[in-house]
């Protein structure tokens, strides 16, 4: 890639990423306002608890494998497979941990409804690892247009 093409890709990437982030943050803000109006304060608190545990699990699911792949010069199919299976196994472990600890989480907060909510919400941890390697490949190709559009669609 020539320096001119790289510069154009970088500018286009910044524009797509910036626009994508603005749209994503706006949608999330709007979604939060709608939830705050539709849910009782107690239910809104339950969603905050769910997002806390989801965010905590997500710290472990990727574990930096895709960032390491971005920095690597020559990537083999074995590297991609290793990252995919590692992320999937960690996602499965996080799912299992949340699924089986759901009754204890509900008991800690004194909200029996949390048991089923945590269990259903933890299912998403099985799907996130499926997209991490593909997202990395888009980053590697500097395809910021798709990278910025995918979260918009996913959040709808």
N, C-alpha and C. Protein backbone atom coordinates (compact mmCIF):
# COMPACT_ATOMS: atom_id res chain seq x y z
N UNK A 1 0.85 -1.18 0.00
CA UNK A 1 0.00 0.00 0.00
C UNK A 1 0.89 1.23 0.00
N UNK A 2 0.64 2.12 -0.91
CA UNK A 2 1.44 3.34 -0.99
C UNK A 2 1.08 4.29 0.14
N UNK A 3 1.95 5.27 0.36
CA UNK A 3 1.69 6.20 1.46
C UNK A 3 0.44 7.04 1.18
N UNK A 4 0.17 7.34 -0.10
CA UNK A 4 -1.03 8.10 -0.44
C UNK A 4 -2.29 7.28 -0.15
N UNK A 5 -2.27 6.00 -0.54
CA UNK A 5 -3.41 5.12 -0.27
C UNK A 5 -3.59 4.92 1.23
N UNK A 6 -2.48 4.79 1.94
CA UNK A 6 -2.55 4.62 3.39
C UNK A 6 -3.14 5.86 4.04
N UNK A 7 -2.74 7.03 3.56
CA UNK A 7 -3.27 8.29 4.10
C UNK A 7 -4.77 8.39 3.83
N UNK A 8 -5.19 8.05 2.61
CA UNK A 8 -6.62 8.09 2.27
C UNK A 8 -7.40 7.09 3.10
N UNK A 9 -6.84 5.89 3.30
CA UNK A 9 -7.50 4.88 4.13
C UNK A 9 -7.62 5.35 5.57
N UNK A 10 -6.56 5.99 6.07
CA UNK A 10 -6.59 6.48 7.45
C UNK A 10 -7.65 7.56 7.62
N UNK A 11 -7.74 8.47 6.66
CA UNK A 11 -8.74 9.54 6.75
C UNK A 11 -10.15 8.97 6.66
N UNK A 12 -10.36 8.06 5.70
CA UNK A 12 -11.67 7.42 5.57
C UNK A 12 -12.00 6.63 6.83
N UNK A 13 -11.00 5.94 7.37
CA UNK A 13 -11.21 5.17 8.60
C UNK A 13 -11.60 6.04 9.77
N UNK A 14 -10.93 7.19 9.89
CA UNK A 14 -11.27 8.12 10.97
C UNK A 14 -12.69 8.64 10.82
N UNK A 15 -13.06 8.98 9.60
CA UNK A 15 -14.42 9.48 9.36
C UNK A 15 -15.46 8.42 9.68
N UNK A 16 -15.26 7.20 9.18
CA UNK A 16 -16.22 6.13 9.45
C UNK A 16 -16.27 5.78 10.94
N UNK A 17 -15.10 5.67 11.56
CA UNK A 17 -15.07 5.34 12.99
C UNK A 17 -15.71 6.44 13.82
N UNK A 18 -15.37 7.69 13.52
CA UNK A 18 -15.95 8.81 14.26
C UNK A 18 -17.45 8.88 14.10
N UNK A 19 -17.91 8.77 12.86
CA UNK A 19 -19.35 8.80 12.60
C UNK A 19 -20.03 7.62 13.27
N UNK A 20 -19.42 6.45 13.14
CA UNK A 20 -20.00 5.25 13.76
C UNK A 20 -20.10 5.38 15.27
N UNK A 21 -19.06 5.93 15.90
CA UNK A 21 -19.09 6.12 17.35
C UNK A 21 -20.14 7.13 17.77
N UNK A 22 -20.27 8.20 17.02
CA UNK A 22 -21.28 9.21 17.35
C UNK A 22 -22.68 8.62 17.24
N UNK A 23 -22.93 7.90 16.16
CA UNK A 23 -24.25 7.27 15.97
C UNK A 23 -24.50 6.24 17.06
N UNK A 24 -23.50 5.41 17.35
CA UNK A 24 -23.65 4.37 18.38
C UNK A 24 -23.93 4.99 19.74
N UNK A 25 -23.16 6.00 20.13
CA UNK A 25 -23.38 6.65 21.42
C UNK A 25 -24.75 7.33 21.48
N UNK A 26 -25.16 7.92 20.38
CA UNK A 26 -26.48 8.57 20.33
C UNK A 26 -27.59 7.54 20.49
N UNK A 27 -27.46 6.42 19.79
CA UNK A 27 -28.47 5.36 19.91
C UNK A 27 -28.52 4.79 21.32
N UNK A 28 -27.35 4.58 21.92
CA UNK A 28 -27.32 4.05 23.28
C UNK A 28 -27.91 5.05 24.27
N UNK A 29 -27.64 6.33 24.08
CA UNK A 29 -28.22 7.36 24.94
C UNK A 29 -29.73 7.37 24.80
N UNK A 30 -30.21 7.34 23.56
CA UNK A 30 -31.64 7.32 23.29
C UNK A 30 -32.29 6.07 23.89
N UNK A 31 -31.62 4.94 23.73
CA UNK A 31 -32.12 3.69 24.28
C UNK A 31 -32.21 3.77 25.81
N UNK A 32 -31.21 4.38 26.44
CA UNK A 32 -31.23 4.54 27.91
C UNK A 32 -32.39 5.42 28.36
N UNK A 33 -32.65 6.49 27.62
CA UNK A 33 -33.77 7.37 27.97
C UNK A 33 -35.09 6.63 27.83
N UNK A 34 -35.24 5.88 26.74
CA UNK A 34 -36.48 5.12 26.53
C UNK A 34 -36.66 4.09 27.64
N UNK A 35 -35.58 3.38 27.98
CA UNK A 35 -35.67 2.40 29.06
C UNK A 35 -36.03 3.07 30.39
N UNK A 36 -35.42 4.21 30.66
CA UNK A 36 -35.70 4.91 31.91
C UNK A 36 -37.17 5.33 32.00
N UNK A 37 -37.77 5.64 30.87
CA UNK A 37 -39.19 6.05 30.86
C UNK A 37 -40.12 4.85 30.94
N UNK A 38 -39.73 3.73 30.35
CA UNK A 38 -40.60 2.56 30.31
C UNK A 38 -40.50 1.67 31.54
N UNK A 39 -39.32 1.62 32.14
CA UNK A 39 -39.10 0.71 33.26
C UNK A 39 -39.26 1.43 34.59
N UNK A 40 -39.63 0.65 35.58
CA UNK A 40 -39.65 1.19 36.93
C UNK A 40 -38.20 1.36 37.38
N UNK A 41 -37.96 2.18 38.40
CA UNK A 41 -36.58 2.33 38.89
C UNK A 41 -35.95 0.98 39.30
N UNK A 42 -36.76 0.10 39.86
CA UNK A 42 -36.25 -1.21 40.27
C UNK A 42 -35.82 -2.03 39.04
N UNK A 43 -36.66 -2.03 38.00
CA UNK A 43 -36.32 -2.77 36.78
C UNK A 43 -35.10 -2.16 36.09
N UNK A 44 -35.01 -0.85 36.11
CA UNK A 44 -33.85 -0.17 35.50
C UNK A 44 -32.58 -0.57 36.26
N UNK A 45 -32.69 -0.69 37.56
CA UNK A 45 -31.55 -1.14 38.37
C UNK A 45 -31.15 -2.56 38.03
N UNK A 46 -32.14 -3.41 37.74
CA UNK A 46 -31.83 -4.78 37.35
C UNK A 46 -31.05 -4.82 36.03
N UNK A 47 -31.43 -3.94 35.10
CA UNK A 47 -30.68 -3.91 33.84
C UNK A 47 -29.25 -3.42 34.08
N UNK A 48 -29.07 -2.50 35.00
CA UNK A 48 -27.72 -2.03 35.32
C UNK A 48 -26.88 -3.17 35.90
N UNK A 49 -27.49 -3.99 36.74
CA UNK A 49 -26.78 -5.14 37.30
C UNK A 49 -26.39 -6.11 36.19
N UNK A 50 -27.32 -6.36 35.27
CA UNK A 50 -27.04 -7.25 34.14
C UNK A 50 -25.86 -6.74 33.31
N UNK A 51 -25.88 -5.45 32.99
CA UNK A 51 -24.81 -4.88 32.18
C UNK A 51 -23.47 -4.89 32.91
N UNK A 52 -23.50 -4.77 34.23
CA UNK A 52 -22.27 -4.86 35.01
C UNK A 52 -21.63 -6.24 34.83
N UNK A 53 -22.42 -7.29 35.02
CA UNK A 53 -21.87 -8.64 34.90
C UNK A 53 -21.48 -8.97 33.46
N UNK A 54 -22.24 -8.47 32.51
CA UNK A 54 -21.89 -8.68 31.10
C UNK A 54 -20.56 -8.00 30.77
N UNK A 55 -20.40 -6.76 31.21
CA UNK A 55 -19.16 -6.02 30.95
C UNK A 55 -17.97 -6.69 31.61
N UNK A 56 -18.18 -7.19 32.81
CA UNK A 56 -17.12 -7.89 33.52
C UNK A 56 -16.69 -9.14 32.75
N UNK A 57 -17.65 -9.90 32.25
CA UNK A 57 -17.34 -11.11 31.48
C UNK A 57 -16.64 -10.77 30.17
N UNK A 58 -17.05 -9.66 29.55
CA UNK A 58 -16.47 -9.27 28.26
C UNK A 58 -14.99 -8.91 28.39
N UNK A 59 -14.56 -8.50 29.58
CA UNK A 59 -13.14 -8.22 29.79
C UNK A 59 -12.29 -9.47 29.53
N UNK A 60 -12.87 -10.64 29.81
CA UNK A 60 -12.13 -11.88 29.67
C UNK A 60 -12.31 -12.54 28.31
N UNK A 61 -13.43 -12.30 27.67
CA UNK A 61 -13.74 -13.02 26.43
C UNK A 61 -12.71 -12.75 25.34
N UNK A 62 -12.35 -11.52 25.10
CA UNK A 62 -11.38 -11.23 24.05
C UNK A 62 -9.96 -11.44 24.54
N UNK A 63 -9.66 -11.00 25.72
CA UNK A 63 -8.36 -11.19 26.36
C UNK A 63 -7.19 -10.68 25.52
N UNK A 64 -7.45 -9.78 24.60
CA UNK A 64 -6.37 -9.16 23.83
C UNK A 64 -5.83 -9.96 22.66
N UNK A 65 -6.42 -11.13 22.39
CA UNK A 65 -5.93 -11.95 21.28
C UNK A 65 -6.03 -11.23 19.95
N UNK A 66 -7.15 -10.59 19.70
CA UNK A 66 -7.32 -9.92 18.41
C UNK A 66 -6.38 -8.72 18.28
N UNK A 67 -6.12 -8.02 19.37
CA UNK A 67 -5.15 -6.92 19.32
C UNK A 67 -3.75 -7.44 19.02
N UNK A 68 -3.42 -8.60 19.56
CA UNK A 68 -2.12 -9.20 19.27
C UNK A 68 -2.03 -9.60 17.80
N UNK A 69 -3.12 -10.09 17.26
CA UNK A 69 -3.13 -10.48 15.84
C UNK A 69 -2.96 -9.27 14.92
N UNK A 70 -3.53 -8.14 15.31
CA UNK A 70 -3.42 -6.93 14.49
C UNK A 70 -1.95 -6.52 14.37
N UNK A 71 -1.21 -6.69 15.44
CA UNK A 71 0.20 -6.28 15.44
C UNK A 71 1.12 -7.27 14.73
N UNK A 72 0.66 -8.51 14.57
CA UNK A 72 1.49 -9.54 13.95
C UNK A 72 1.56 -9.33 12.44
N UNK A 73 2.77 -9.46 11.88
CA UNK A 73 2.94 -9.20 10.45
C UNK A 73 2.34 -10.29 9.57
N UNK A 74 2.75 -11.51 9.77
CA UNK A 74 2.27 -12.62 8.94
C UNK A 74 1.34 -13.51 9.75
N UNK A 75 0.09 -13.49 9.39
CA UNK A 75 -0.91 -14.24 10.13
C UNK A 75 -1.26 -15.50 9.36
N UNK A 76 -1.22 -16.62 10.06
CA UNK A 76 -1.55 -17.89 9.44
C UNK A 76 -2.98 -18.29 9.82
N UNK A 77 -3.48 -19.28 9.12
CA UNK A 77 -4.80 -19.81 9.46
C UNK A 77 -4.79 -20.39 10.87
N UNK A 78 -3.66 -20.93 11.27
CA UNK A 78 -3.52 -21.47 12.62
C UNK A 78 -3.68 -20.36 13.67
N UNK A 79 -3.13 -19.18 13.40
CA UNK A 79 -3.28 -18.05 14.32
C UNK A 79 -4.75 -17.67 14.47
N UNK A 80 -5.45 -17.60 13.34
CA UNK A 80 -6.88 -17.24 13.36
C UNK A 80 -7.68 -18.30 14.10
N UNK A 81 -7.38 -19.57 13.85
CA UNK A 81 -8.09 -20.66 14.52
C UNK A 81 -7.84 -20.64 16.02
N UNK A 82 -6.58 -20.41 16.39
CA UNK A 82 -6.24 -20.35 17.81
C UNK A 82 -7.00 -19.23 18.51
N UNK A 83 -7.01 -18.06 17.91
CA UNK A 83 -7.73 -16.93 18.50
C UNK A 83 -9.22 -17.23 18.59
N UNK A 84 -9.78 -17.80 17.53
CA UNK A 84 -11.20 -18.11 17.51
C UNK A 84 -11.56 -19.10 18.62
N UNK A 85 -10.83 -20.22 18.68
CA UNK A 85 -11.17 -21.25 19.68
C UNK A 85 -10.88 -20.77 21.10
N UNK A 86 -9.81 -20.02 21.28
CA UNK A 86 -9.53 -19.48 22.61
C UNK A 86 -10.67 -18.57 23.06
N UNK A 87 -11.06 -17.64 22.19
CA UNK A 87 -12.15 -16.72 22.53
C UNK A 87 -13.45 -17.48 22.78
N UNK A 88 -13.71 -18.50 21.98
CA UNK A 88 -14.94 -19.28 22.15
C UNK A 88 -14.93 -20.04 23.48
N UNK A 89 -13.80 -20.65 23.82
CA UNK A 89 -13.71 -21.40 25.08
C UNK A 89 -13.85 -20.46 26.27
N UNK A 90 -13.20 -19.31 26.22
CA UNK A 90 -13.32 -18.34 27.32
C UNK A 90 -14.77 -17.83 27.40
N UNK A 91 -15.40 -17.59 26.24
CA UNK A 91 -16.81 -17.20 26.23
C UNK A 91 -17.70 -18.26 26.84
N UNK A 92 -17.40 -19.52 26.52
CA UNK A 92 -18.16 -20.64 27.08
C UNK A 92 -17.97 -20.73 28.59
N UNK A 93 -16.73 -20.52 29.04
CA UNK A 93 -16.46 -20.53 30.49
C UNK A 93 -17.17 -19.38 31.20
N UNK A 94 -17.12 -18.20 30.61
CA UNK A 94 -17.81 -17.04 31.20
C UNK A 94 -19.32 -17.26 31.23
N UNK A 95 -19.84 -17.82 30.13
CA UNK A 95 -21.27 -18.15 30.09
C UNK A 95 -21.61 -19.12 31.21
N UNK A 96 -20.83 -20.19 31.33
CA UNK A 96 -21.10 -21.21 32.36
C UNK A 96 -21.02 -20.61 33.76
N UNK A 97 -20.00 -19.79 33.98
CA UNK A 97 -19.84 -19.16 35.29
C UNK A 97 -21.05 -18.29 35.63
N UNK A 98 -21.47 -17.45 34.69
CA UNK A 98 -22.63 -16.60 34.95
C UNK A 98 -23.91 -17.42 35.07
N UNK A 99 -24.08 -18.40 34.19
CA UNK A 99 -25.29 -19.21 34.19
C UNK A 99 -25.47 -19.92 35.53
N UNK A 100 -24.40 -20.56 36.02
CA UNK A 100 -24.52 -21.33 37.25
C UNK A 100 -24.42 -20.48 38.51
N UNK A 101 -23.87 -19.28 38.40
CA UNK A 101 -23.83 -18.40 39.57
C UNK A 101 -25.05 -17.48 39.64
N UNK A 102 -25.93 -17.55 38.65
CA UNK A 102 -27.11 -16.68 38.61
C UNK A 102 -27.94 -16.74 39.90
N UNK A 103 -28.21 -17.94 40.46
CA UNK A 103 -28.98 -17.96 41.71
C UNK A 103 -28.28 -17.23 42.86
N UNK A 104 -26.95 -17.31 42.89
CA UNK A 104 -26.20 -16.64 43.95
C UNK A 104 -26.21 -15.12 43.76
N UNK A 105 -26.12 -14.70 42.51
CA UNK A 105 -26.21 -13.27 42.20
C UNK A 105 -27.58 -12.74 42.62
N UNK A 106 -28.62 -13.48 42.26
CA UNK A 106 -29.99 -13.08 42.62
C UNK A 106 -30.17 -13.04 44.13
N UNK A 107 -29.60 -14.02 44.81
CA UNK A 107 -29.69 -14.06 46.27
C UNK A 107 -28.95 -12.89 46.91
N UNK A 108 -27.77 -12.56 46.37
CA UNK A 108 -26.99 -11.45 46.89
C UNK A 108 -27.76 -10.14 46.81
N UNK A 109 -28.43 -9.91 45.68
CA UNK A 109 -29.20 -8.68 45.49
C UNK A 109 -30.63 -8.79 46.02
N UNK A 110 -31.03 -9.97 46.46
CA UNK A 110 -32.38 -10.16 46.98
C UNK A 110 -33.46 -10.03 45.92
N UNK A 111 -33.13 -10.38 44.69
CA UNK A 111 -34.06 -10.27 43.56
C UNK A 111 -34.11 -11.61 42.83
N UNK A 112 -35.08 -12.46 43.16
CA UNK A 112 -35.18 -13.78 42.52
C UNK A 112 -35.30 -13.72 41.00
N UNK A 113 -35.89 -12.65 40.48
CA UNK A 113 -36.04 -12.49 39.03
C UNK A 113 -34.69 -12.44 38.32
N UNK A 114 -33.67 -12.01 39.03
CA UNK A 114 -32.33 -11.90 38.43
C UNK A 114 -31.79 -13.25 37.97
N UNK A 115 -32.21 -14.33 38.60
CA UNK A 115 -31.71 -15.65 38.20
C UNK A 115 -31.94 -15.90 36.72
N UNK A 116 -33.18 -15.78 36.29
CA UNK A 116 -33.50 -16.03 34.88
C UNK A 116 -32.93 -14.95 33.97
N UNK A 117 -32.94 -13.70 34.43
CA UNK A 117 -32.40 -12.61 33.60
C UNK A 117 -30.91 -12.81 33.33
N UNK A 118 -30.16 -13.14 34.36
CA UNK A 118 -28.71 -13.35 34.19
C UNK A 118 -28.47 -14.55 33.27
N UNK A 119 -29.25 -15.60 33.44
CA UNK A 119 -29.06 -16.79 32.61
C UNK A 119 -29.35 -16.50 31.14
N UNK A 120 -30.42 -15.79 30.87
CA UNK A 120 -30.75 -15.47 29.47
C UNK A 120 -29.71 -14.50 28.90
N UNK A 121 -29.36 -13.50 29.68
CA UNK A 121 -28.41 -12.49 29.21
C UNK A 121 -27.03 -13.10 28.98
N UNK A 122 -26.66 -14.10 29.77
CA UNK A 122 -25.34 -14.72 29.62
C UNK A 122 -25.22 -15.49 28.31
N UNK A 123 -26.33 -15.82 27.68
CA UNK A 123 -26.29 -16.50 26.38
C UNK A 123 -25.55 -15.68 25.33
N UNK A 124 -25.59 -14.36 25.46
CA UNK A 124 -24.90 -13.52 24.47
C UNK A 124 -23.40 -13.76 24.49
N UNK A 125 -22.87 -14.25 25.60
CA UNK A 125 -21.44 -14.52 25.69
C UNK A 125 -21.02 -15.68 24.80
N UNK A 126 -21.97 -16.46 24.33
CA UNK A 126 -21.66 -17.54 23.40
C UNK A 126 -21.53 -17.03 21.97
N UNK A 127 -22.14 -15.88 21.68
CA UNK A 127 -22.14 -15.36 20.32
C UNK A 127 -21.04 -14.32 20.07
N UNK A 128 -20.66 -13.60 21.09
CA UNK A 128 -19.64 -12.55 20.93
C UNK A 128 -18.32 -13.12 20.38
N UNK A 129 -17.82 -14.24 20.91
CA UNK A 129 -16.56 -14.76 20.37
C UNK A 129 -16.63 -15.13 18.88
N UNK A 130 -17.81 -15.41 18.39
CA UNK A 130 -17.96 -15.78 16.99
C UNK A 130 -17.64 -14.61 16.06
N UNK A 131 -17.77 -13.40 16.55
CA UNK A 131 -17.55 -12.23 15.69
C UNK A 131 -16.18 -11.58 15.88
N UNK A 132 -15.45 -11.94 16.93
CA UNK A 132 -14.20 -11.24 17.23
C UNK A 132 -13.14 -11.41 16.14
N UNK A 133 -12.94 -12.63 15.66
CA UNK A 133 -11.91 -12.86 14.64
C UNK A 133 -12.32 -12.21 13.33
N UNK A 134 -13.61 -12.28 13.00
CA UNK A 134 -14.07 -11.65 11.77
C UNK A 134 -13.92 -10.13 11.85
N UNK A 135 -14.20 -9.57 13.02
CA UNK A 135 -14.02 -8.13 13.22
C UNK A 135 -12.54 -7.75 13.08
N UNK A 136 -11.68 -8.61 13.61
CA UNK A 136 -10.24 -8.38 13.47
C UNK A 136 -9.84 -8.34 12.00
N UNK A 137 -10.38 -9.27 11.21
CA UNK A 137 -10.02 -9.31 9.79
C UNK A 137 -10.46 -8.03 9.08
N UNK A 138 -11.60 -7.49 9.47
CA UNK A 138 -12.04 -6.22 8.90
C UNK A 138 -11.09 -5.09 9.30
N UNK A 139 -10.63 -5.11 10.55
CA UNK A 139 -9.67 -4.09 11.00
C UNK A 139 -8.37 -4.21 10.24
N UNK A 140 -7.95 -5.42 10.02
CA UNK A 140 -6.69 -5.66 9.31
C UNK A 140 -6.76 -5.14 7.87
N UNK A 141 -7.95 -5.26 7.27
CA UNK A 141 -8.15 -4.78 5.89
C UNK A 141 -8.48 -3.29 5.85
N UNK A 142 -8.52 -2.66 7.02
CA UNK A 142 -8.88 -1.24 7.15
C UNK A 142 -10.28 -0.96 6.60
N UNK A 143 -11.18 -1.91 6.80
CA UNK A 143 -12.56 -1.76 6.33
C UNK A 143 -13.40 -1.14 7.44
N UNK A 144 -13.14 0.13 7.71
CA UNK A 144 -13.79 0.81 8.83
C UNK A 144 -15.27 1.08 8.57
N UNK A 145 -15.66 1.09 7.33
CA UNK A 145 -17.07 1.29 7.00
C UNK A 145 -17.91 0.16 7.61
N UNK A 146 -17.51 -1.07 7.34
CA UNK A 146 -18.26 -2.21 7.89
C UNK A 146 -18.12 -2.28 9.41
N UNK A 147 -16.92 -1.98 9.90
CA UNK A 147 -16.70 -2.02 11.34
C UNK A 147 -17.62 -1.04 12.06
N UNK A 148 -17.88 0.11 11.46
CA UNK A 148 -18.74 1.11 12.11
C UNK A 148 -20.22 0.80 11.93
N UNK A 149 -20.58 0.07 10.88
CA UNK A 149 -21.99 -0.25 10.63
C UNK A 149 -22.46 -1.44 11.47
N UNK A 150 -21.59 -2.42 11.68
CA UNK A 150 -21.99 -3.64 12.38
C UNK A 150 -22.55 -3.37 13.78
N UNK A 151 -21.91 -2.54 14.63
CA UNK A 151 -22.50 -2.29 15.96
C UNK A 151 -23.88 -1.63 15.89
N UNK A 152 -24.10 -0.80 14.87
CA UNK A 152 -25.41 -0.14 14.73
C UNK A 152 -26.49 -1.21 14.52
N UNK A 153 -26.20 -2.14 13.63
CA UNK A 153 -27.16 -3.21 13.33
C UNK A 153 -27.33 -4.12 14.54
N UNK A 154 -26.22 -4.46 15.19
CA UNK A 154 -26.26 -5.35 16.35
C UNK A 154 -27.09 -4.75 17.49
N UNK A 155 -27.02 -3.45 17.67
CA UNK A 155 -27.74 -2.81 18.78
C UNK A 155 -29.21 -2.58 18.50
N UNK A 156 -29.62 -2.73 17.26
CA UNK A 156 -31.04 -2.59 16.96
C UNK A 156 -31.74 -3.82 17.45
